[in-house]
Amino acid sequence: MPWLNFAALAGVAVGLSLVVVQNTPRETPHLLNVSYDPTRELYQALNPQFIAARARSGGAPIDIVQSHGGSSRQARRVIGGKLDPDVVTLGLPSDIEALRKRGLVASGWAERLPNHAVPYTSTIVFVVRHGNPRGVKDWPDLLAPGLEIVTPNPKTSGNGKLTVLAAWAAILARGGSDADARAYLTKFYQHTSVLNEGARDAAIRFAVQDAGDVHVTWENEALREVADSQGRLQISGPPVSILAEPAVAWLDTAVTRHGTLDAARAYLEFLFSDAAQQTIARLGYRPTKPARPDEDAGYFASVQLVPITAIARDWNDAAESFFGDGGIVDGILESRAR
């Protein structure tokens, strides 16, 4: 069924966290995967594949439970004890680092899995109405008079944070300064009337409620919106954006208490398998393994991807300087509120 069916949307709209349980007996042990907003369909596809692969290899039966919401909000819910996951699959490495700083994830977590625990990459793109009536192709176009931007809150959402970093990177890539980037983002957020808490809420607002002129969102979310829009939407730019690196980890304290270390490690290792990587690509995420010659990856946007090191030392530095209390984003959002 299309992801934009209204029965599902009603459930998503009333809560930022969605839990999905596979249809297996209640007595089956389970893993809780706490993930970010757009990955519902991804893990609904991957979980049965993992369960089947584990059964073929003689592993003990396991069930997977999913929880979804804005990436940073999900991390805070784990830190606050509202969620007790075995694994986290979050939108930014810095969200997992926040768990490490609380002793929930071991130091060196990124080196326990292939590719520094990044099973796929992504970026931020623009979705516009059919025919692109506002002529949006690049970041400066978003500041046109009267244009309304739909994007989530950078204080709660990985999508929101990456939007900030993507715009900042685009300004610097063209020879602009940090002051230019700050000035751009101050104007950018003056073109937003609502900042949703998560990526999927913003998608619903733009694609279903027909609010706004452009949706600044994850590439995979954009591909899904366009595919299900029956020609009403299209992707248009930008030429420069951020290289997003969603990361995964098991929570050492939790898997020790739950006795699920073996299953949690196997689950996350499965994400790097050929079978999982093909599903990842099919659902609009950029796989870490190159596509086979007979696979068409032409649906990914043509965009220059700027690494985080072009604008900060690393993801942790970006998290602190941009999104920490009193950081760059707080100042920008305060200007928006005035």
C-alpha atoms as a PDB file:
ATOM      1  CA  MET A   1       0.000   0.000   0.000  1.00  0.00           C
ATOM      2  CA  PRO A   2       1.284   3.536  -0.662  1.00  0.00           C
ATOM      3  CA  TRP A   3       2.878   5.164   2.336  1.00  0.00           C
ATOM      4  CA  LEU A   4       0.533   8.139   2.006  1.00  0.00           C
ATOM      5  CA  ASN A   5      -2.656   6.275   2.874  1.00  0.00           C
ATOM      6  CA  PHE A   6      -4.885   8.276   5.139  1.00  0.00           C
ATOM      7  CA  ALA A   7      -5.459   5.610   7.780  1.00  0.00           C
ATOM      8  CA  ALA A   8      -1.726   5.349   8.362  1.00  0.00           C
ATOM      9  CA  LEU A   9      -1.320   9.106   8.326  1.00  0.00           C
ATOM     10  CA  ALA A  10      -3.858   9.547  11.086  1.00  0.00           C
ATOM     11  CA  GLY A  11      -1.790   7.297  13.312  1.00  0.00           C
ATOM     12  CA  VAL A  12       1.445   9.063  12.472  1.00  0.00           C
ATOM     13  CA  ALA A  13      -0.015  12.511  12.947  1.00  0.00           C
ATOM     14  CA  VAL A  14      -1.092  11.923  16.539  1.00  0.00           C
ATOM     15  CA  GLY A  15       2.267  10.654  17.746  1.00  0.00           C
ATOM     16  CA  LEU A  16       5.886  11.185  16.834  1.00  0.00           C
ATOM     17  CA  SER A  17       6.846   7.613  17.686  1.00  0.00           C
ATOM     18  CA  LEU A  18       5.455   4.647  15.804  1.00  0.00           C
ATOM     19  CA  VAL A  19       6.022   1.077  16.943  1.00  0.00           C
ATOM     20  CA  VAL A  20       5.590  -1.826  14.550  1.00  0.00           C
ATOM     21  CA  VAL A  21       5.785  -5.464  15.667  1.00  0.00           C
ATOM     22  CA  GLN A  22       6.286  -8.335  13.231  1.00  0.00           C
ATOM     23  CA  ASN A  23       3.594 -11.046  13.250  1.00  0.00           C
ATOM     24  CA  THR A  24       5.423 -13.630  15.331  1.00  0.00           C
ATOM     25  CA  PRO A  25       4.438 -15.289  18.636  1.00  0.00           C
ATOM     26  CA  ARG A  26       4.541 -13.067  21.695  1.00  0.00           C
ATOM     27  CA  GLU A  27       6.913 -15.420  23.489  1.00  0.00           C
ATOM     28  CA  THR A  28       9.588 -14.912  20.816  1.00  0.00           C
ATOM     29  CA  PRO A  29      12.519 -12.800  22.121  1.00  0.00           C
ATOM     30  CA  HIS A  30      12.728  -9.414  20.459  1.00  0.00           C
ATOM     31  CA  LEU A  31      15.038  -6.535  19.675  1.00  0.00           C
ATOM     32  CA  LEU A  32      13.850  -2.943  19.943  1.00  0.00           C
ATOM     33  CA  ASN A  33      15.217  -0.805  17.114  1.00  0.00           C
ATOM     34  CA  VAL A  34      14.883   2.899  17.885  1.00  0.00           C
ATOM     35  CA  SER A  35      15.192   4.731  14.594  1.00  0.00           C
ATOM     36  CA  TYR A  36      14.551   8.101  13.018  1.00  0.00           C
ATOM     37  CA  ASP A  37      11.453   9.315  11.221  1.00  0.00           C
ATOM     38  CA  PRO A  38      11.530   8.163   7.561  1.00  0.00           C
ATOM     39  CA  THR A  39      12.874   4.637   8.063  1.00  0.00           C
ATOM     40  CA  ARG A  40       9.583   2.910   8.883  1.00  0.00           C
ATOM     41  CA  GLU A  41       9.258   1.318   5.443  1.00  0.00           C
ATOM     42  CA  LEU A  42      12.976   0.513   5.254  1.00  0.00           C
ATOM     43  CA  TYR A  43      12.974  -1.633   8.382  1.00  0.00           C
ATOM     44  CA  GLN A  44       9.588  -3.117   7.622  1.00  0.00           C
ATOM     45  CA  ALA A  45      11.307  -4.482   4.509  1.00  0.00           C
ATOM     46  CA  LEU A  46      14.634  -5.413   6.133  1.00  0.00           C
ATOM     47  CA  ASN A  47      13.358  -7.042   9.323  1.00  0.00           C
ATOM     48  CA  PRO A  48      11.703 -10.081   7.673  1.00  0.00           C
ATOM     49  CA  GLN A  49      14.820 -10.555   5.547  1.00  0.00           C
ATOM     50  CA  PHE A  50      16.997 -10.625   8.647  1.00  0.00           C
ATOM     51  CA  ILE A  51      14.655 -12.975  10.488  1.00  0.00           C
ATOM     52  CA  ALA A  52      14.658 -15.383   7.525  1.00  0.00           C
ATOM     53  CA  ALA A  53      18.439 -15.192   7.118  1.00  0.00           C
ATOM     54  CA  ARG A  54      18.917 -15.846  10.835  1.00  0.00           C
ATOM     55  CA  ALA A  55      16.645 -18.886  10.660  1.00  0.00           C
ATOM     56  CA  ARG A  56      18.582 -20.284   7.677  1.00  0.00           C
ATOM     57  CA  SER A  57      21.845 -19.929   9.579  1.00  0.00           C
ATOM     58  CA  GLY A  58      20.454 -21.754  12.620  1.00  0.00           C
ATOM     59  CA  GLY A  59      20.151 -18.704  14.844  1.00  0.00           C
ATOM     60  CA  ALA A  60      17.575 -18.528  17.605  1.00  0.00           C
ATOM     61  CA  PRO A  61      14.194 -16.998  16.612  1.00  0.00           C
ATOM     62  CA  ILE A  62      14.008 -13.257  17.128  1.00  0.00           C
ATOM     63  CA  ASP A  63      11.379 -10.566  16.608  1.00  0.00           C
ATOM     64  CA  ILE A  64      12.036  -6.920  15.771  1.00  0.00           C
ATOM     65  CA  VAL A  65      10.108  -4.012  17.277  1.00  0.00           C
ATOM     66  CA  GLN A  66      10.458  -0.556  15.702  1.00  0.00           C
ATOM     67  CA  SER A  67      10.168   2.927  17.209  1.00  0.00           C
ATOM     68  CA  HIS A  68      10.352   6.051  15.041  1.00  0.00           C
ATOM     69  CA  GLY A  69      10.496   9.808  15.568  1.00  0.00           C
ATOM     70  CA  GLY A  70      12.792  12.778  15.070  1.00  0.00           C
ATOM     71  CA  SER A  71      16.356  11.477  15.411  1.00  0.00           C
ATOM     72  CA  SER A  72      17.507  13.794  18.188  1.00  0.00           C
ATOM     73  CA  ARG A  73      14.197  13.441  20.001  1.00  0.00           C
ATOM     74  CA  GLN A  74      14.570   9.655  19.863  1.00  0.00           C
ATOM     75  CA  ALA A  75      18.064   9.905  21.351  1.00  0.00           C
ATOM     76  CA  ARG A  76      16.738  12.069  24.179  1.00  0.00           C
ATOM     77  CA  ARG A  77      13.946   9.572  24.869  1.00  0.00           C
ATOM     78  CA  VAL A  78      16.548   6.816  25.212  1.00  0.00           C
ATOM     79  CA  ILE A  79      18.694   8.972  27.506  1.00  0.00           C
ATOM     80  CA  GLY A  80      15.632   9.824  29.593  1.00  0.00           C
ATOM     81  CA  GLY A  81      14.668   6.158  29.991  1.00  0.00           C
ATOM     82  CA  LYS A  82      11.442   6.431  27.973  1.00  0.00           C
ATOM     83  CA  LEU A  83      12.785   3.915  25.451  1.00  0.00           C
ATOM     84  CA  ASP A  84      14.982   0.902  26.202  1.00  0.00           C
ATOM     85  CA  PRO A  85      16.367  -0.195  22.821  1.00  0.00           C
ATOM     86  CA  ASP A  86      18.785  -2.944  21.961  1.00  0.00           C
ATOM     87  CA  VAL A  87      19.907  -1.069  18.850  1.00  0.00           C
ATOM     88  CA  VAL A  88      19.644   2.468  17.539  1.00  0.00           C
ATOM     89  CA  THR A  89      19.643   3.391  13.845  1.00  0.00           C
ATOM     90  CA  LEU A  90      19.701   7.176  13.920  1.00  0.00           C
ATOM     91  CA  GLY A  91      20.024  10.007  11.433  1.00  0.00           C
ATOM     92  CA  LEU A  92      23.333  11.426  12.650  1.00  0.00           C
ATOM     93  CA  PRO A  93      26.429   9.926  14.304  1.00  0.00           C
ATOM     94  CA  SER A  94      26.267  12.723  16.882  1.00  0.00           C
ATOM     95  CA  ASP A  95      22.953  11.355  18.175  1.00  0.00           C
ATOM     96  CA  ILE A  96      24.681   8.065  18.976  1.00  0.00           C
ATOM     97  CA  GLU A  97      27.579   9.974  20.508  1.00  0.00           C
ATOM     98  CA  ALA A  98      25.062  11.562  22.874  1.00  0.00           C
ATOM     99  CA  LEU A  99      24.227   8.031  24.070  1.00  0.00           C
ATOM    100  CA  ARG A 100      27.928   7.193  24.435  1.00  0.00           C
ATOM    101  CA  LYS A 101      28.449  10.249  26.641  1.00  0.00           C
ATOM    102  CA  ARG A 102      25.766   8.845  28.990  1.00  0.00           C
ATOM    103  CA  GLY A 103      27.492   5.464  29.148  1.00  0.00           C
ATOM    104  CA  LEU A 104      24.793   3.662  27.136  1.00  0.00           C
ATOM    105  CA  VAL A 105      27.044   2.871  24.165  1.00  0.00           C
ATOM    106  CA  ALA A 106      30.697   1.874  24.451  1.00  0.00           C
ATOM    107  CA  SER A 107      33.550   4.027  23.193  1.00  0.00           C
ATOM    108  CA  GLY A 108      34.720   2.894  19.780  1.00  0.00           C
ATOM    109  CA  TRP A 109      31.183   1.935  18.740  1.00  0.00           C
ATOM    110  CA  ALA A 110      31.745   3.180  15.190  1.00  0.00           C
ATOM    111  CA  GLU A 111      34.615   0.752  14.646  1.00  0.00           C
ATOM    112  CA  ARG A 112      32.627  -2.346  15.652  1.00  0.00           C
ATOM    113  CA  LEU A 113      30.815  -2.455  12.295  1.00  0.00           C
ATOM    114  CA  PRO A 114      31.835  -1.952   8.658  1.00  0.00           C
ATOM    115  CA  ASN A 115      32.169   1.545   7.159  1.00  0.00           C
ATOM    116  CA  HIS A 116      32.356   3.179  10.600  1.00  0.00           C
ATOM    117  CA  ALA A 117      28.845   1.877  11.385  1.00  0.00           C
ATOM    118  CA  VAL A 118      27.270   3.798   8.460  1.00  0.00           C
ATOM    119  CA  PRO A 119      25.213   1.281   6.408  1.00  0.00           C
ATOM    120  CA  TYR A 120      24.135   3.864   3.836  1.00  0.00           C
ATOM    121  CA  THR A 121      24.385   7.579   3.104  1.00  0.00           C
ATOM    122  CA  SER A 122      21.857  10.165   1.991  1.00  0.00           C
ATOM    123  CA  THR A 123      21.469  13.890   1.445  1.00  0.00           C
ATOM    124  CA  ILE A 124      18.981  16.769   1.514  1.00  0.00           C
ATOM    125  CA  VAL A 125      17.001  17.715  -1.619  1.00  0.00           C
ATOM    126  CA  PHE A 126      14.019  19.858  -2.636  1.00  0.00           C
ATOM    127  CA  VAL A 127      10.526  18.606  -3.517  1.00  0.00           C
ATOM    128  CA  VAL A 128       8.299  21.055  -5.406  1.00  0.00           C
ATOM    129  CA  ARG A 129       4.846  21.088  -6.977  1.00  0.00           C
ATOM    130  CA  HIS A 130       4.430  19.778 -10.523  1.00  0.00           C
ATOM    131  CA  GLY A 131       5.986  22.097 -13.075  1.00  0.00           C
ATOM    132  CA  ASN A 132       8.005  23.841 -10.358  1.00  0.00           C
ATOM    133  CA  PRO A 133       5.799  26.978 -10.403  1.00  0.00           C
ATOM    134  CA  ARG A 134       8.140  28.911  -8.073  1.00  0.00           C
ATOM    135  CA  GLY A 135      11.232  28.059 -10.152  1.00  0.00           C
ATOM    136  CA  VAL A 136      13.112  26.481  -7.237  1.00  0.00           C
ATOM    137  CA  LYS A 137      16.421  24.936  -8.327  1.00  0.00           C
ATOM    138  CA  ASP A 138      19.012  26.123  -5.821  1.00  0.00           C
ATOM    139  CA  TRP A 139      19.363  27.379  -2.252  1.00  0.00           C
ATOM    140  CA  PRO A 140      19.061  31.109  -3.130  1.00  0.00           C
ATOM    141  CA  ASP A 141      15.700  30.394  -4.803  1.00  0.00           C
ATOM    142  CA  LEU A 142      14.239  29.494  -1.401  1.00  0.00           C
ATOM    143  CA  LEU A 143      14.422  33.129  -0.320  1.00  0.00           C
ATOM    144  CA  ALA A 144      12.050  34.389  -3.037  1.00  0.00           C
ATOM    145  CA  PRO A 145       9.366  36.741  -1.677  1.00  0.00           C
ATOM    146  CA  GLY A 146       6.278  34.920  -0.461  1.00  0.00           C
ATOM    147  CA  LEU A 147       7.757  31.431  -0.846  1.00  0.00           C
ATOM    148  CA  GLU A 148       6.972  29.060   2.047  1.00  0.00           C
ATOM    149  CA  ILE A 149       9.445  26.343   3.036  1.00  0.00           C
ATOM    150  CA  VAL A 150       8.383  23.116   4.744  1.00  0.00           C
ATOM    151  CA  THR A 151      11.126  21.473   6.808  1.00  0.00           C
ATOM    152  CA  PRO A 152      11.340  20.033  10.335  1.00  0.00           C
ATOM    153  CA  ASN A 153      12.763  21.572  13.481  1.00  0.00           C
ATOM    154  CA  PRO A 154      16.577  21.409  13.680  1.00  0.00           C
ATOM    155  CA  LYS A 155      16.368  21.010  17.452  1.00  0.00           C
ATOM    156  CA  THR A 156      14.432  17.721  17.264  1.00  0.00           C
ATOM    157  CA  SER A 157      14.941  16.249  13.805  1.00  0.00           C
ATOM    158  CA  GLY A 158      17.910  14.792  11.944  1.00  0.00           C
ATOM    159  CA  ASN A 159      16.336  16.100   8.739  1.00  0.00           C
ATOM    160  CA  GLY A 160      16.135  19.533  10.346  1.00  0.00           C
ATOM    161  CA  LYS A 161      19.771  19.452  11.423  1.00  0.00           C
ATOM    162  CA  LEU A 162      20.962  18.268   8.021  1.00  0.00           C
ATOM    163  CA  THR A 163      18.974  21.044   6.340  1.00  0.00           C
ATOM    164  CA  VAL A 164      20.984  23.585   8.341  1.00  0.00           C
ATOM    165  CA  LEU A 165      24.276  21.875   7.548  1.00  0.00           C
ATOM    166  CA  ALA A 166      23.405  21.443   3.862  1.00  0.00           C
ATOM    167  CA  ALA A 167      22.577  25.128   3.430  1.00  0.00           C
ATOM    168  CA  TRP A 168      25.701  26.159   5.346  1.00  0.00           C
ATOM    169  CA  ALA A 169      27.864  23.850   3.206  1.00  0.00           C
ATOM    170  CA  ALA A 170      26.310  25.179  -0.011  1.00  0.00           C
ATOM    171  CA  ILE A 171      27.092  28.787   0.932  1.00  0.00           C
ATOM    172  CA  LEU A 172      30.703  27.961   1.826  1.00  0.00           C
ATOM    173  CA  ALA A 173      31.153  25.813  -1.298  1.00  0.00           C
ATOM    174  CA  ARG A 174      30.423  28.914  -3.390  1.00  0.00           C
ATOM    175  CA  GLY A 175      33.037  30.980  -1.595  1.00  0.00           C
ATOM    176  CA  GLY A 176      30.767  32.479   1.051  1.00  0.00           C
ATOM    177  CA  SER A 177      31.781  33.035   4.654  1.00  0.00           C
ATOM    178  CA  ASP A 178      30.325  31.749   7.907  1.00  0.00           C
ATOM    179  CA  ALA A 179      28.671  35.146   8.307  1.00  0.00           C
ATOM    180  CA  ASP A 180      27.084  34.741   4.869  1.00  0.00           C
ATOM    181  CA  ALA A 181      25.804  31.289   5.813  1.00  0.00           C
ATOM    182  CA  ARG A 182      24.351  32.555   9.092  1.00  0.00           C
ATOM    183  CA  ALA A 183      22.631  35.425   7.285  1.00  0.00           C
ATOM    184  CA  TYR A 184      21.225  33.026   4.699  1.00  0.00           C
ATOM    185  CA  LEU A 185      19.776  30.690   7.321  1.00  0.00           C
ATOM    186  CA  THR A 186      18.263  33.593   9.247  1.00  0.00           C
ATOM    187  CA  LYS A 187      16.315  34.513   6.112  1.00  0.00           C
ATOM    188  CA  PHE A 188      15.624  30.831   5.329  1.00  0.00           C
ATOM    189  CA  TYR A 189      13.737  30.260   8.591  1.00  0.00           C
ATOM    190  CA  GLN A 190      11.749  33.446   8.098  1.00  0.00           C
ATOM    191  CA  HIS A 191      10.181  31.544   5.173  1.00  0.00           C
ATOM    192  CA  THR A 192       8.896  28.777   7.478  1.00  0.00           C
ATOM    193  CA  SER A 193       5.552  29.124   9.225  1.00  0.00           C
ATOM    194  CA  VAL A 194       5.709  25.760  11.042  1.00  0.00           C
ATOM    195  CA  LEU A 195       8.646  23.620  12.119  1.00  0.00           C
ATOM    196  CA  ASN A 196       7.427  20.034  12.494  1.00  0.00           C
ATOM    197  CA  GLU A 197       9.145  17.802  15.031  1.00  0.00           C
ATOM    198  CA  GLY A 198      10.127  15.119  12.521  1.00  0.00           C
ATOM    199  CA  ALA A 199      10.675  14.441   8.826  1.00  0.00           C
ATOM    200  CA  ARG A 200       7.518  12.398   8.293  1.00  0.00           C
ATOM    201  CA  ASP A 201       5.289  15.040   9.890  1.00  0.00           C
ATOM    202  CA  ALA A 202       6.777  17.615   7.521  1.00  0.00           C
ATOM    203  CA  ALA A 203       6.185  15.256   4.580  1.00  0.00           C
ATOM    204  CA  ILE A 204       2.536  14.870   5.540  1.00  0.00           C
ATOM    205  CA  ARG A 205       2.127  18.612   5.835  1.00  0.00           C
ATOM    206  CA  PHE A 206       3.609  19.242   2.369  1.00  0.00           C
ATOM    207  CA  ALA A 207       2.403  16.255   0.337  1.00  0.00           C
ATOM    208  CA  VAL A 208      -0.989  15.554   1.935  1.00  0.00           C
ATOM    209  CA  GLN A 209      -2.091  18.869   3.399  1.00  0.00           C
ATOM    210  CA  ASP A 210      -0.647  20.780   0.400  1.00  0.00           C
ATOM    211  CA  ALA A 211       1.068  23.328   2.638  1.00  0.00           C
ATOM    212  CA  GLY A 212       4.067  25.285   1.401  1.00  0.00           C
ATOM    213  CA  ASP A 213       5.874  25.674  -1.895  1.00  0.00           C
ATOM    214  CA  VAL A 214       8.949  23.497  -1.350  1.00  0.00           C
ATOM    215  CA  HIS A 215       9.794  20.620   0.961  1.00  0.00           C
ATOM    216  CA  VAL A 216      13.441  20.450   2.081  1.00  0.00           C
ATOM    217  CA  THR A 217      13.890  16.831   3.047  1.00  0.00           C
ATOM    218  CA  TRP A 218      15.829  13.582   3.036  1.00  0.00           C
ATOM    219  CA  GLU A 219      16.454  12.258  -0.475  1.00  0.00           C
ATOM    220  CA  ASN A 220      14.744   8.939   0.288  1.00  0.00           C
ATOM    221  CA  GLU A 221      11.698  10.763   1.637  1.00  0.00           C
ATOM    222  CA  ALA A 222      11.644  12.928  -1.490  1.00  0.00           C
ATOM    223  CA  LEU A 223      11.765   9.883  -3.772  1.00  0.00           C
ATOM    224  CA  ARG A 224       8.863   8.313  -1.869  1.00  0.00           C
ATOM    225  CA  GLU A 225       6.771  11.486  -1.965  1.00  0.00           C
ATOM    226  CA  VAL A 226       7.252  11.917  -5.692  1.00  0.00           C
ATOM    227  CA  ALA A 227       6.573   8.252  -6.498  1.00  0.00           C
ATOM    228  CA  ASP A 228       3.300   8.299  -4.562  1.00  0.00           C
ATOM    229  CA  SER A 229       2.120  11.731  -5.701  1.00  0.00           C
ATOM    230  CA  GLN A 230       0.676  10.591  -9.058  1.00  0.00           C
ATOM    231  CA  GLY A 231       2.550  13.322 -10.855  1.00  0.00           C
ATOM    232  CA  ARG A 232       1.747  16.144  -8.426  1.00  0.00           C
ATOM    233  CA  LEU A 233       5.307  16.506  -7.111  1.00  0.00           C
ATOM    234  CA  GLN A 234       8.856  16.467  -8.446  1.00  0.00           C
ATOM    235  CA  ILE A 235      12.436  16.795  -7.183  1.00  0.00           C
ATOM    236  CA  SER A 236      14.235  19.987  -8.218  1.00  0.00           C
ATOM    237  CA  GLY A 237      17.763  20.546  -6.896  1.00  0.00           C
ATOM    238  CA  PRO A 238      19.841  21.571  -5.175  1.00  0.00           C
ATOM    239  CA  PRO A 239      23.190  21.230  -7.002  1.00  0.00           C
ATOM    240  CA  VAL A 240      25.135  21.223  -3.699  1.00  0.00           C
ATOM    241  CA  SER A 241      24.101  19.534  -0.448  1.00  0.00           C
ATOM    242  CA  ILE A 242      25.479  17.703   2.590  1.00  0.00           C
ATOM    243  CA  LEU A 243      26.729  14.118   2.712  1.00  0.00           C
ATOM    244  CA  ALA A 244      24.454  12.626   5.371  1.00  0.00           C
ATOM    245  CA  GLU A 245      25.819   9.600   7.253  1.00  0.00           C
ATOM    246  CA  PRO A 246      23.123   7.890   9.348  1.00  0.00           C
ATOM    247  CA  ALA A 247      24.775   5.547  11.837  1.00  0.00           C
ATOM    248  CA  VAL A 248      23.859   2.444  13.837  1.00  0.00           C
ATOM    249  CA  ALA A 249      24.960   0.893  17.129  1.00  0.00           C
ATOM    250  CA  TRP A 250      23.894  -1.582  19.760  1.00  0.00           C
ATOM    251  CA  LEU A 251      23.466  -0.275  23.301  1.00  0.00           C
ATOM    252  CA  ASP A 252      25.945  -2.120  25.464  1.00  0.00           C
ATOM    253  CA  THR A 253      24.074  -1.607  28.713  1.00  0.00           C
ATOM    254  CA  ALA A 254      20.764  -2.749  27.232  1.00  0.00           C
ATOM    255  CA  VAL A 255      21.959  -5.861  25.388  1.00  0.00           C
ATOM    256  CA  THR A 256      23.760  -6.968  28.540  1.00  0.00           C
ATOM    257  CA  ARG A 257      20.553  -6.668  30.576  1.00  0.00           C
ATOM    258  CA  HIS A 258      18.399  -8.225  27.856  1.00  0.00           C
ATOM    259  CA  GLY A 259      20.847 -10.972  26.877  1.00  0.00           C
ATOM    260  CA  THR A 260      20.554  -9.881  23.234  1.00  0.00           C
ATOM    261  CA  LEU A 261      24.131  -9.008  22.262  1.00  0.00           C
ATOM    262  CA  ASP A 262      24.465 -11.814  19.707  1.00  0.00           C
ATOM    263  CA  ALA A 263      21.187 -10.971  17.997  1.00  0.00           C
ATOM    264  CA  ALA A 264      21.796  -7.211  18.092  1.00  0.00           C
ATOM    265  CA  ARG A 265      25.243  -7.550  16.549  1.00  0.00           C
ATOM    266  CA  ALA A 266      23.938  -9.925  13.870  1.00  0.00           C
ATOM    267  CA  TYR A 267      21.051  -7.566  13.078  1.00  0.00           C
ATOM    268  CA  LEU A 268      23.310  -4.580  12.498  1.00  0.00           C
ATOM    269  CA  GLU A 269      25.896  -6.620  10.586  1.00  0.00           C
ATOM    270  CA  PHE A 270      23.076  -7.783   8.304  1.00  0.00           C
ATOM    271  CA  LEU A 271      22.554  -4.175   7.174  1.00  0.00           C
ATOM    272  CA  PHE A 272      25.896  -4.379   5.347  1.00  0.00           C
ATOM    273  CA  SER A 273      25.061  -7.635   3.537  1.00  0.00           C
ATOM    274  CA  ASP A 274      24.472  -7.706  -0.224  1.00  0.00           C
ATOM    275  CA  ALA A 275      20.777  -8.513   0.226  1.00  0.00           C
ATOM    276  CA  ALA A 276      20.192  -5.665   2.670  1.00  0.00           C
ATOM    277  CA  GLN A 277      22.185  -3.221   0.568  1.00  0.00           C
ATOM    278  CA  GLN A 278      19.993  -3.955  -2.453  1.00  0.00           C
ATOM    279  CA  THR A 279      16.864  -3.261  -0.396  1.00  0.00           C
ATOM    280  CA  ILE A 280      18.435  -0.099   0.985  1.00  0.00           C
ATOM    281  CA  ALA A 281      19.090   1.171  -2.552  1.00  0.00           C
ATOM    282  CA  ARG A 282      15.633   0.183  -3.775  1.00  0.00           C
ATOM    283  CA  LEU A 283      14.019   2.234  -1.014  1.00  0.00           C
ATOM    284  CA  GLY A 284      15.951   5.383  -1.842  1.00  0.00           C
ATOM    285  CA  TYR A 285      18.991   5.270   0.440  1.00  0.00           C
ATOM    286  CA  ARG A 286      22.504   5.378  -1.025  1.00  0.00           C
ATOM    287  CA  PRO A 287      24.114   1.985  -0.321  1.00  0.00           C
ATOM    288  CA  THR A 288      27.690   1.745   0.897  1.00  0.00           C
ATOM    289  CA  LYS A 289      28.346  -1.078  -1.564  1.00  0.00           C
ATOM    290  CA  PRO A 290      28.395  -0.139  -5.266  1.00  0.00           C
ATOM    291  CA  ALA A 291      25.372  -1.241  -7.263  1.00  0.00           C
ATOM    292  CA  ARG A 292      25.754  -4.212  -9.563  1.00  0.00           C
ATOM    293  CA  PRO A 293      26.156  -3.352 -13.277  1.00  0.00           C
ATOM    294  CA  ASP A 294      22.604  -4.575 -13.937  1.00  0.00           C
ATOM    295  CA  GLU A 295      21.106  -2.328 -11.236  1.00  0.00           C
ATOM    296  CA  ASP A 296      19.853   1.150 -12.100  1.00  0.00           C
ATOM    297  CA  ALA A 297      20.707   3.713  -9.419  1.00  0.00           C
ATOM    298  CA  GLY A 298      19.740   6.614 -11.660  1.00  0.00           C
ATOM    299  CA  TYR A 299      16.925   7.644  -9.315  1.00  0.00           C
ATOM    300  CA  PHE A 300      19.392   9.325  -6.958  1.00  0.00           C
ATOM    301  CA  ALA A 301      19.653  13.083  -7.364  1.00  0.00           C
ATOM    302  CA  SER A 302      22.635  14.518  -9.202  1.00  0.00           C
ATOM    303  CA  VAL A 303      24.168  16.611  -6.457  1.00  0.00           C
ATOM    304  CA  GLN A 304      27.608  17.546  -5.177  1.00  0.00           C
ATOM    305  CA  LEU A 305      27.837  15.999  -1.703  1.00  0.00           C
ATOM    306  CA  VAL A 306      29.873  18.030   0.781  1.00  0.00           C
ATOM    307  CA  PRO A 307      31.359  16.108   3.745  1.00  0.00           C
ATOM    308  CA  ILE A 308      30.809  17.358   7.269  1.00  0.00           C
ATOM    309  CA  THR A 309      34.542  18.086   7.584  1.00  0.00           C
ATOM    310  CA  ALA A 310      34.110  20.973   5.122  1.00  0.00           C
ATOM    311  CA  ILE A 311      32.178  22.944   7.752  1.00  0.00           C
ATOM    312  CA  ALA A 312      33.180  21.393  11.107  1.00  0.00           C
ATOM    313  CA  ARG A 313      35.845  19.113  12.601  1.00  0.00           C
ATOM    314  CA  ASP A 314      33.382  16.218  12.687  1.00  0.00           C
ATOM    315  CA  TRP A 315      29.739  15.414  13.441  1.00  0.00           C
ATOM    316  CA  ASN A 316      30.259  15.957  17.176  1.00  0.00           C
ATOM    317  CA  ASP A 317      31.761  19.373  16.616  1.00  0.00           C
ATOM    318  CA  ALA A 318      28.865  20.279  14.324  1.00  0.00           C
ATOM    319  CA  ALA A 319      26.333  19.073  16.898  1.00  0.00           C
ATOM    320  CA  GLU A 320      27.860  21.231  19.622  1.00  0.00           C
ATOM    321  CA  SER A 321      28.523  24.414  17.638  1.00  0.00           C
ATOM    322  CA  PHE A 322      25.328  24.409  15.577  1.00  0.00           C
ATOM    323  CA  PHE A 323      22.745  22.674  17.761  1.00  0.00           C
ATOM    324  CA  GLY A 324      23.977  22.905  21.334  1.00  0.00           C
ATOM    325  CA  ASP A 325      22.356  25.229  23.849  1.00  0.00           C
ATOM    326  CA  GLY A 326      23.206  28.776  22.842  1.00  0.00           C
ATOM    327  CA  GLY A 327      24.631  27.579  19.538  1.00  0.00           C
ATOM    328  CA  ILE A 328      24.225  28.907  16.017  1.00  0.00           C
ATOM    329  CA  VAL A 329      20.749  27.501  15.496  1.00  0.00           C
ATOM    330  CA  ASP A 330      19.380  28.907  18.743  1.00  0.00           C
ATOM    331  CA  GLY A 331      20.390  32.372  17.616  1.00  0.00           C
ATOM    332  CA  ILE A 332      18.840  31.860  14.173  1.00  0.00           C
ATOM    333  CA  LEU A 333      15.543  30.541  15.561  1.00  0.00           C
ATOM    334  CA  GLU A 334      15.366  33.393  18.058  1.00  0.00           C
ATOM    335  CA  SER A 335      15.586  35.794  15.117  1.00  0.00           C
ATOM    336  CA  ARG A 336      12.763  33.878  13.424  1.00  0.00           C
ATOM    337  CA  ALA A 337      10.552  34.236  16.490  1.00  0.00           C
ATOM    338  CA  ARG A 338      10.947  38.015  16.623  1.00  0.00           C
END
